[in-house]
Amino acid sequence: MAREGEILAILVLFLMLLLLHFKTTQAATYTVGDGLGWCPDVSMESWPENKKFYSGDTLVFNYDADSYDVVVVDQRGHDTCTVTANAKVFDSGHDQIKLVFGANYFITSNPEDCQLGMKMAISAASHRSARKSSATVTNVRIKRGQ
């Protein structure tokens, strides 16, 4: 009976260590344009460089709502600086937009500002925690009576 308790304690310790090793990763939040925000003074096409984005990450767009907006568009809208039929317009001046898996495209609705660089394309990889959960525990058995 004492041996069974020792085995159970070792098993619990092993599982706790396993959980600590594969800590849960939460979605990240990025402020677009950093301190300057979403504006023509920042090269929005280069801002995402050297950053790794995942689905579920949040982009925070800070801007002057009297002058700008943020529009989620498809690739055609991004490439042509056009608000397409399925576009979603944000205009609060402090918008939080979650990235979806795959391509995410953002523009400002003013075509002149968009053509000057207020547009951005981000590719989001699958969710962070999906990569981390590759370890599994299989068939842990405790023999009784030893």
N, C-alpha and C. Protein backbone atom coordinates (compact mmCIF):
# COMPACT_ATOMS: atom_id res chain seq x y z
N MET A 1 0.83 -1.19 0.00
CA MET A 1 0.00 0.00 0.00
C MET A 1 0.88 1.26 0.00
N ALA A 2 1.99 1.26 0.76
CA ALA A 2 2.89 2.41 0.78
C ALA A 2 3.54 2.60 -0.58
N ARG A 3 3.88 1.50 -1.24
CA ARG A 3 4.51 1.56 -2.57
C ARG A 3 3.54 2.19 -3.58
N GLU A 4 2.25 1.87 -3.48
CA GLU A 4 1.25 2.44 -4.38
C GLU A 4 1.17 3.95 -4.19
N GLY A 5 1.26 4.41 -2.97
CA GLY A 5 1.23 5.85 -2.67
C GLY A 5 2.45 6.55 -3.24
N GLU A 6 3.61 5.90 -3.18
CA GLU A 6 4.84 6.48 -3.74
C GLU A 6 4.72 6.61 -5.26
N ILE A 7 4.20 5.58 -5.89
CA ILE A 7 4.04 5.61 -7.35
C ILE A 7 3.06 6.70 -7.75
N LEU A 8 1.98 6.83 -7.01
CA LEU A 8 1.01 7.87 -7.30
C LEU A 8 1.62 9.26 -7.12
N ALA A 9 2.41 9.45 -6.08
CA ALA A 9 3.07 10.74 -5.85
C ALA A 9 4.04 11.06 -6.98
N ILE A 10 4.78 10.07 -7.45
CA ILE A 10 5.72 10.27 -8.56
C ILE A 10 4.95 10.62 -9.83
N LEU A 11 3.85 9.95 -10.06
CA LEU A 11 3.03 10.22 -11.24
C LEU A 11 2.48 11.65 -11.21
N VAL A 12 1.99 12.08 -10.07
CA VAL A 12 1.46 13.44 -9.93
C VAL A 12 2.57 14.46 -10.15
N LEU A 13 3.75 14.20 -9.58
CA LEU A 13 4.88 15.10 -9.76
C LEU A 13 5.28 15.18 -11.23
N PHE A 14 5.31 14.03 -11.92
CA PHE A 14 5.65 13.98 -13.33
C PHE A 14 4.66 14.81 -14.15
N LEU A 15 3.37 14.66 -13.88
CA LEU A 15 2.35 15.40 -14.62
C LEU A 15 2.46 16.90 -14.36
N MET A 16 2.76 17.29 -13.13
CA MET A 16 2.94 18.71 -12.82
C MET A 16 4.13 19.29 -13.56
N LEU A 17 5.23 18.55 -13.59
CA LEU A 17 6.41 19.01 -14.32
C LEU A 17 6.13 19.11 -15.82
N LEU A 18 5.37 18.17 -16.34
CA LEU A 18 5.00 18.19 -17.75
C LEU A 18 4.16 19.43 -18.07
N LEU A 19 3.22 19.75 -17.22
CA LEU A 19 2.39 20.94 -17.42
C LEU A 19 3.21 22.22 -17.34
N LEU A 20 4.17 22.28 -16.42
CA LEU A 20 5.02 23.46 -16.33
C LEU A 20 5.89 23.62 -17.56
N HIS A 21 6.34 22.51 -18.10
CA HIS A 21 7.20 22.54 -19.29
C HIS A 21 6.44 23.07 -20.50
N PHE A 22 5.20 22.68 -20.65
CA PHE A 22 4.38 23.12 -21.77
C PHE A 22 3.40 24.18 -21.30
N LYS A 23 3.97 25.32 -20.86
CA LYS A 23 3.12 26.39 -20.34
C LYS A 23 2.19 26.91 -21.42
N THR A 24 1.04 27.37 -21.01
CA THR A 24 0.04 27.90 -21.92
C THR A 24 0.51 29.25 -22.43
N THR A 25 0.42 29.45 -23.73
CA THR A 25 0.80 30.70 -24.35
C THR A 25 -0.46 31.46 -24.73
N GLN A 26 -0.56 32.68 -24.25
CA GLN A 26 -1.73 33.49 -24.54
C GLN A 26 -1.50 34.30 -25.81
N ALA A 27 -2.57 34.74 -26.41
CA ALA A 27 -2.48 35.57 -27.60
C ALA A 27 -1.77 36.88 -27.26
N ALA A 28 -1.05 37.41 -28.23
CA ALA A 28 -0.32 38.66 -28.03
C ALA A 28 -1.16 39.84 -28.51
N THR A 29 -0.82 41.02 -28.00
CA THR A 29 -1.44 42.26 -28.43
C THR A 29 -0.36 43.18 -28.97
N TYR A 30 -0.57 43.71 -30.17
CA TYR A 30 0.38 44.60 -30.81
C TYR A 30 -0.28 45.94 -31.07
N THR A 31 0.43 47.02 -30.78
CA THR A 31 -0.05 48.35 -31.12
C THR A 31 0.54 48.72 -32.47
N VAL A 32 -0.32 48.83 -33.46
CA VAL A 32 0.10 49.11 -34.83
C VAL A 32 0.77 50.48 -34.89
N GLY A 33 1.96 50.51 -35.49
CA GLY A 33 2.71 51.76 -35.60
C GLY A 33 3.40 52.16 -34.32
N ASP A 34 3.36 51.28 -33.33
CA ASP A 34 3.96 51.53 -32.02
C ASP A 34 3.48 52.87 -31.46
N GLY A 35 4.36 53.74 -31.02
CA GLY A 35 3.96 55.00 -30.38
C GLY A 35 3.30 56.00 -31.29
N LEU A 36 3.56 55.91 -32.60
CA LEU A 36 2.96 56.87 -33.54
C LEU A 36 1.55 56.47 -33.95
N GLY A 37 1.23 55.19 -33.85
CA GLY A 37 -0.10 54.72 -34.20
C GLY A 37 -0.30 54.52 -35.69
N TRP A 38 -1.55 54.38 -36.07
CA TRP A 38 -1.97 54.16 -37.47
C TRP A 38 -2.02 55.54 -38.13
N CYS A 39 -0.97 55.88 -38.88
CA CYS A 39 -0.89 57.20 -39.51
C CYS A 39 0.06 57.14 -40.70
N PRO A 40 0.03 58.15 -41.56
CA PRO A 40 0.90 58.14 -42.74
C PRO A 40 2.38 58.35 -42.41
N ASP A 41 2.70 58.71 -41.17
CA ASP A 41 4.10 58.93 -40.79
C ASP A 41 4.86 57.61 -40.56
N VAL A 42 4.13 56.50 -40.52
CA VAL A 42 4.73 55.19 -40.28
C VAL A 42 4.58 54.35 -41.55
N SER A 43 5.63 53.65 -41.93
CA SER A 43 5.55 52.74 -43.07
C SER A 43 4.81 51.49 -42.62
N MET A 44 3.50 51.47 -42.85
CA MET A 44 2.67 50.36 -42.39
C MET A 44 3.00 49.05 -43.10
N GLU A 45 3.50 49.12 -44.32
CA GLU A 45 3.87 47.90 -45.04
C GLU A 45 5.10 47.26 -44.41
N SER A 46 5.97 48.04 -43.79
CA SER A 46 7.16 47.45 -43.17
C SER A 46 7.02 47.23 -41.66
N TRP A 47 6.01 47.84 -41.03
CA TRP A 47 5.84 47.68 -39.59
C TRP A 47 5.73 46.21 -39.15
N PRO A 48 5.03 45.34 -39.88
CA PRO A 48 4.92 43.94 -39.43
C PRO A 48 6.20 43.12 -39.56
N GLU A 49 7.18 43.62 -40.31
CA GLU A 49 8.41 42.86 -40.52
C GLU A 49 9.07 42.51 -39.19
N ASN A 50 9.67 41.35 -39.14
CA ASN A 50 10.37 40.83 -37.96
C ASN A 50 9.44 40.57 -36.77
N LYS A 51 8.15 40.45 -37.04
CA LYS A 51 7.19 40.07 -36.01
C LYS A 51 6.51 38.79 -36.47
N LYS A 52 6.21 37.91 -35.52
CA LYS A 52 5.50 36.66 -35.83
C LYS A 52 4.09 36.80 -35.28
N PHE A 53 3.11 36.70 -36.17
CA PHE A 53 1.72 36.85 -35.78
C PHE A 53 1.01 35.50 -35.84
N TYR A 54 0.06 35.32 -34.93
CA TYR A 54 -0.74 34.09 -34.85
C TYR A 54 -2.22 34.46 -34.85
N SER A 55 -3.04 33.53 -35.32
CA SER A 55 -4.48 33.77 -35.25
C SER A 55 -4.85 33.96 -33.78
N GLY A 56 -5.72 34.88 -33.52
CA GLY A 56 -6.11 35.20 -32.15
C GLY A 56 -5.34 36.36 -31.56
N ASP A 57 -4.18 36.73 -32.15
CA ASP A 57 -3.47 37.92 -31.70
C ASP A 57 -4.34 39.14 -31.99
N THR A 58 -4.17 40.19 -31.20
CA THR A 58 -4.96 41.40 -31.36
C THR A 58 -4.08 42.55 -31.84
N LEU A 59 -4.56 43.26 -32.85
CA LEU A 59 -3.92 44.49 -33.29
C LEU A 59 -4.72 45.66 -32.74
N VAL A 60 -4.03 46.60 -32.12
CA VAL A 60 -4.66 47.81 -31.61
C VAL A 60 -4.29 48.95 -32.56
N PHE A 61 -5.30 49.56 -33.12
CA PHE A 61 -5.12 50.68 -34.04
C PHE A 61 -5.48 51.96 -33.31
N ASN A 62 -4.50 52.81 -33.03
CA ASN A 62 -4.73 54.12 -32.42
C ASN A 62 -4.52 55.18 -33.50
N TYR A 63 -5.50 56.09 -33.65
CA TYR A 63 -5.41 57.11 -34.70
C TYR A 63 -6.40 58.22 -34.42
N ASP A 64 -6.26 59.31 -35.16
CA ASP A 64 -7.19 60.44 -35.07
C ASP A 64 -8.44 60.07 -35.85
N ALA A 65 -9.53 59.83 -35.16
CA ALA A 65 -10.78 59.38 -35.79
C ALA A 65 -11.40 60.45 -36.70
N ASP A 66 -11.00 61.71 -36.56
CA ASP A 66 -11.50 62.75 -37.45
C ASP A 66 -10.79 62.71 -38.81
N SER A 67 -9.63 62.08 -38.86
CA SER A 67 -8.84 62.08 -40.09
C SER A 67 -8.73 60.71 -40.76
N TYR A 68 -8.81 59.64 -39.97
CA TYR A 68 -8.53 58.31 -40.51
C TYR A 68 -9.56 57.29 -40.05
N ASP A 69 -9.45 56.10 -40.60
CA ASP A 69 -10.22 54.93 -40.17
C ASP A 69 -9.38 53.71 -40.50
N VAL A 70 -9.89 52.54 -40.15
CA VAL A 70 -9.24 51.28 -40.49
C VAL A 70 -10.29 50.42 -41.17
N VAL A 71 -9.92 49.84 -42.30
CA VAL A 71 -10.86 49.01 -43.03
C VAL A 71 -10.21 47.64 -43.24
N VAL A 72 -10.92 46.59 -42.82
CA VAL A 72 -10.47 45.22 -43.08
C VAL A 72 -11.02 44.85 -44.45
N VAL A 73 -10.09 44.52 -45.36
CA VAL A 73 -10.47 44.24 -46.74
C VAL A 73 -9.87 42.91 -47.19
N ASP A 74 -10.20 42.52 -48.41
CA ASP A 74 -9.57 41.34 -49.01
C ASP A 74 -8.31 41.80 -49.75
N GLN A 75 -7.61 40.86 -50.38
CA GLN A 75 -6.36 41.19 -51.04
C GLN A 75 -6.56 42.22 -52.16
N ARG A 76 -7.63 42.09 -52.91
CA ARG A 76 -7.90 43.05 -53.99
C ARG A 76 -8.07 44.46 -53.43
N GLY A 77 -8.81 44.58 -52.33
CA GLY A 77 -8.99 45.88 -51.69
C GLY A 77 -7.67 46.47 -51.22
N HIS A 78 -6.83 45.62 -50.66
CA HIS A 78 -5.50 46.05 -50.21
C HIS A 78 -4.65 46.51 -51.38
N ASP A 79 -4.61 45.70 -52.42
CA ASP A 79 -3.73 46.00 -53.56
C ASP A 79 -4.18 47.23 -54.34
N THR A 80 -5.48 47.50 -54.37
CA THR A 80 -6.01 48.62 -55.15
C THR A 80 -6.45 49.81 -54.29
N CYS A 81 -6.29 49.70 -52.98
CA CYS A 81 -6.73 50.75 -52.05
C CYS A 81 -8.22 51.06 -52.24
N THR A 82 -9.01 49.99 -52.30
CA THR A 82 -10.44 50.10 -52.52
C THR A 82 -11.21 49.44 -51.38
N VAL A 83 -12.25 50.10 -50.89
CA VAL A 83 -13.13 49.50 -49.89
C VAL A 83 -14.05 48.55 -50.65
N THR A 84 -13.81 47.26 -50.49
CA THR A 84 -14.54 46.24 -51.23
C THR A 84 -15.88 45.93 -50.57
N ALA A 85 -16.70 45.15 -51.26
CA ALA A 85 -18.07 44.87 -50.80
C ALA A 85 -18.12 44.24 -49.41
N ASN A 86 -17.21 43.33 -49.09
CA ASN A 86 -17.24 42.63 -47.80
C ASN A 86 -16.37 43.31 -46.75
N ALA A 87 -15.94 44.52 -47.00
CA ALA A 87 -15.05 45.23 -46.07
C ALA A 87 -15.77 45.57 -44.77
N LYS A 88 -14.98 45.67 -43.70
CA LYS A 88 -15.52 46.09 -42.40
C LYS A 88 -14.77 47.33 -41.97
N VAL A 89 -15.51 48.40 -41.75
CA VAL A 89 -14.92 49.70 -41.42
C VAL A 89 -14.94 49.91 -39.90
N PHE A 90 -13.80 50.34 -39.37
CA PHE A 90 -13.66 50.71 -37.95
C PHE A 90 -13.30 52.19 -37.92
N ASP A 91 -13.92 52.94 -37.02
CA ASP A 91 -13.65 54.38 -37.02
C ASP A 91 -13.69 55.01 -35.62
N SER A 92 -13.38 54.23 -34.60
CA SER A 92 -13.44 54.74 -33.23
C SER A 92 -12.20 55.54 -32.82
N GLY A 93 -11.09 55.32 -33.52
CA GLY A 93 -9.83 55.94 -33.12
C GLY A 93 -9.01 55.06 -32.20
N HIS A 94 -9.62 54.00 -31.70
CA HIS A 94 -8.94 53.02 -30.83
C HIS A 94 -9.62 51.67 -31.05
N ASP A 95 -9.25 51.04 -32.16
CA ASP A 95 -9.90 49.78 -32.54
C ASP A 95 -9.01 48.60 -32.21
N GLN A 96 -9.64 47.52 -31.76
CA GLN A 96 -8.93 46.28 -31.48
C GLN A 96 -9.48 45.21 -32.41
N ILE A 97 -8.59 44.66 -33.24
CA ILE A 97 -9.01 43.70 -34.25
C ILE A 97 -8.20 42.42 -34.09
N LYS A 98 -8.92 41.30 -33.96
CA LYS A 98 -8.25 40.00 -33.82
C LYS A 98 -7.88 39.46 -35.20
N LEU A 99 -6.67 38.92 -35.28
CA LEU A 99 -6.22 38.33 -36.53
C LEU A 99 -6.85 36.96 -36.72
N VAL A 100 -7.18 36.65 -37.95
CA VAL A 100 -7.67 35.33 -38.30
C VAL A 100 -6.52 34.56 -38.94
N PHE A 101 -6.62 33.25 -38.97
CA PHE A 101 -5.61 32.42 -39.59
C PHE A 101 -5.48 32.78 -41.07
N GLY A 102 -4.25 32.96 -41.52
CA GLY A 102 -4.00 33.27 -42.92
C GLY A 102 -3.80 34.74 -43.15
N ALA A 103 -4.22 35.20 -44.32
CA ALA A 103 -3.99 36.59 -44.73
C ALA A 103 -4.99 37.54 -44.08
N ASN A 104 -4.48 38.67 -43.60
CA ASN A 104 -5.28 39.74 -43.01
C ASN A 104 -4.84 41.04 -43.69
N TYR A 105 -5.80 41.78 -44.22
CA TYR A 105 -5.48 43.00 -44.97
C TYR A 105 -6.19 44.20 -44.36
N PHE A 106 -5.45 45.31 -44.23
CA PHE A 106 -5.98 46.53 -43.63
C PHE A 106 -5.61 47.72 -44.50
N ILE A 107 -6.55 48.66 -44.66
CA ILE A 107 -6.28 49.90 -45.36
C ILE A 107 -7.00 51.02 -44.64
N THR A 108 -6.73 52.25 -45.03
CA THR A 108 -7.57 53.37 -44.65
C THR A 108 -8.47 53.65 -45.85
N SER A 109 -9.66 54.15 -45.62
CA SER A 109 -10.61 54.31 -46.72
C SER A 109 -10.27 55.47 -47.65
N ASN A 110 -9.41 56.37 -47.23
CA ASN A 110 -8.98 57.46 -48.10
C ASN A 110 -7.94 56.91 -49.08
N PRO A 111 -8.27 56.83 -50.38
CA PRO A 111 -7.36 56.22 -51.34
C PRO A 111 -5.99 56.90 -51.42
N GLU A 112 -5.96 58.23 -51.23
CA GLU A 112 -4.67 58.94 -51.29
C GLU A 112 -3.77 58.51 -50.14
N ASP A 113 -4.32 58.47 -48.90
CA ASP A 113 -3.52 58.04 -47.75
C ASP A 113 -3.12 56.58 -47.90
N CYS A 114 -4.02 55.76 -48.40
CA CYS A 114 -3.73 54.34 -48.61
C CYS A 114 -2.57 54.19 -49.59
N GLN A 115 -2.61 54.90 -50.71
CA GLN A 115 -1.55 54.79 -51.70
C GLN A 115 -0.23 55.35 -51.18
N LEU A 116 -0.29 56.23 -50.19
CA LEU A 116 0.93 56.76 -49.58
C LEU A 116 1.50 55.80 -48.51
N GLY A 117 0.79 54.69 -48.25
CA GLY A 117 1.35 53.69 -47.34
C GLY A 117 0.50 53.30 -46.15
N MET A 118 -0.69 53.85 -46.01
CA MET A 118 -1.55 53.45 -44.89
C MET A 118 -2.34 52.21 -45.26
N LYS A 119 -1.60 51.13 -45.49
CA LYS A 119 -2.18 49.83 -45.74
C LYS A 119 -1.19 48.80 -45.24
N MET A 120 -1.72 47.63 -44.90
CA MET A 120 -0.87 46.62 -44.27
C MET A 120 -1.43 45.23 -44.55
N ALA A 121 -0.53 44.30 -44.82
CA ALA A 121 -0.89 42.89 -45.00
C ALA A 121 -0.14 42.08 -43.96
N ILE A 122 -0.87 41.23 -43.24
CA ILE A 122 -0.27 40.38 -42.20
C ILE A 122 -0.74 38.96 -42.42
N SER A 123 0.21 38.04 -42.38
CA SER A 123 -0.12 36.62 -42.45
C SER A 123 -0.02 36.03 -41.04
N ALA A 124 -1.12 35.48 -40.56
CA ALA A 124 -1.16 34.93 -39.20
C ALA A 124 -1.08 33.40 -39.27
N ALA A 125 -0.13 32.85 -38.53
CA ALA A 125 0.01 31.40 -38.44
C ALA A 125 -1.07 30.83 -37.54
N SER A 126 -1.18 29.51 -37.50
CA SER A 126 -2.19 28.90 -36.63
C SER A 126 -1.89 29.28 -35.19
N HIS A 127 -2.87 29.15 -34.33
CA HIS A 127 -2.81 29.62 -32.94
C HIS A 127 -1.59 29.08 -32.22
N ARG A 128 -0.98 29.89 -31.37
CA ARG A 128 0.24 29.55 -30.63
C ARG A 128 0.13 28.24 -29.85
N SER A 129 -0.96 28.04 -29.12
CA SER A 129 -1.06 26.88 -28.25
C SER A 129 -1.17 25.58 -29.03
N ALA A 130 -1.58 25.65 -30.30
CA ALA A 130 -1.69 24.43 -31.10
C ALA A 130 -0.32 23.80 -31.31
N ARG A 131 0.73 24.62 -31.44
CA ARG A 131 2.08 24.09 -31.63
C ARG A 131 2.61 23.47 -30.35
N LYS A 132 2.25 24.02 -29.22
CA LYS A 132 2.82 23.61 -27.94
C LYS A 132 2.25 22.31 -27.41
N SER A 133 1.13 21.84 -27.94
CA SER A 133 0.46 20.70 -27.34
C SER A 133 0.79 19.38 -28.03
N SER A 134 2.05 19.19 -28.40
CA SER A 134 2.42 17.97 -29.10
C SER A 134 2.75 16.81 -28.15
N ALA A 135 2.96 17.10 -26.88
CA ALA A 135 3.29 16.03 -25.94
C ALA A 135 2.02 15.36 -25.43
N THR A 136 2.05 14.05 -25.34
CA THR A 136 0.91 13.33 -24.80
C THR A 136 1.39 12.30 -23.80
N VAL A 137 0.53 11.96 -22.88
CA VAL A 137 0.81 10.91 -21.90
C VAL A 137 -0.10 9.74 -22.26
N THR A 138 0.50 8.57 -22.46
CA THR A 138 -0.30 7.42 -22.85
C THR A 138 -0.14 6.27 -21.89
N ASN A 139 -1.22 5.61 -21.60
CA ASN A 139 -1.27 4.37 -20.83
C ASN A 139 -0.37 4.36 -19.61
N VAL A 140 -0.62 5.22 -18.66
CA VAL A 140 0.09 5.20 -17.39
C VAL A 140 -0.68 4.25 -16.49
N ARG A 141 -0.04 3.17 -16.07
CA ARG A 141 -0.72 2.16 -15.27
C ARG A 141 0.00 2.00 -13.95
N ILE A 142 -0.78 1.84 -12.89
CA ILE A 142 -0.23 1.57 -11.58
C ILE A 142 -0.65 0.16 -11.19
N LYS A 143 0.35 -0.66 -10.89
CA LYS A 143 0.05 -2.02 -10.46
C LYS A 143 -0.26 -1.98 -8.97
N ARG A 144 -1.32 -2.60 -8.62
CA ARG A 144 -1.73 -2.65 -7.21
C ARG A 144 -1.13 -3.88 -6.54
N GLY A 145 -0.87 -3.72 -5.28
CA GLY A 145 -0.42 -4.86 -4.47
C GLY A 145 1.09 -5.07 -4.53
N GLN A 146 1.85 -4.14 -5.01
CA GLN A 146 3.32 -4.30 -5.00
C GLN A 146 3.97 -3.33 -4.06
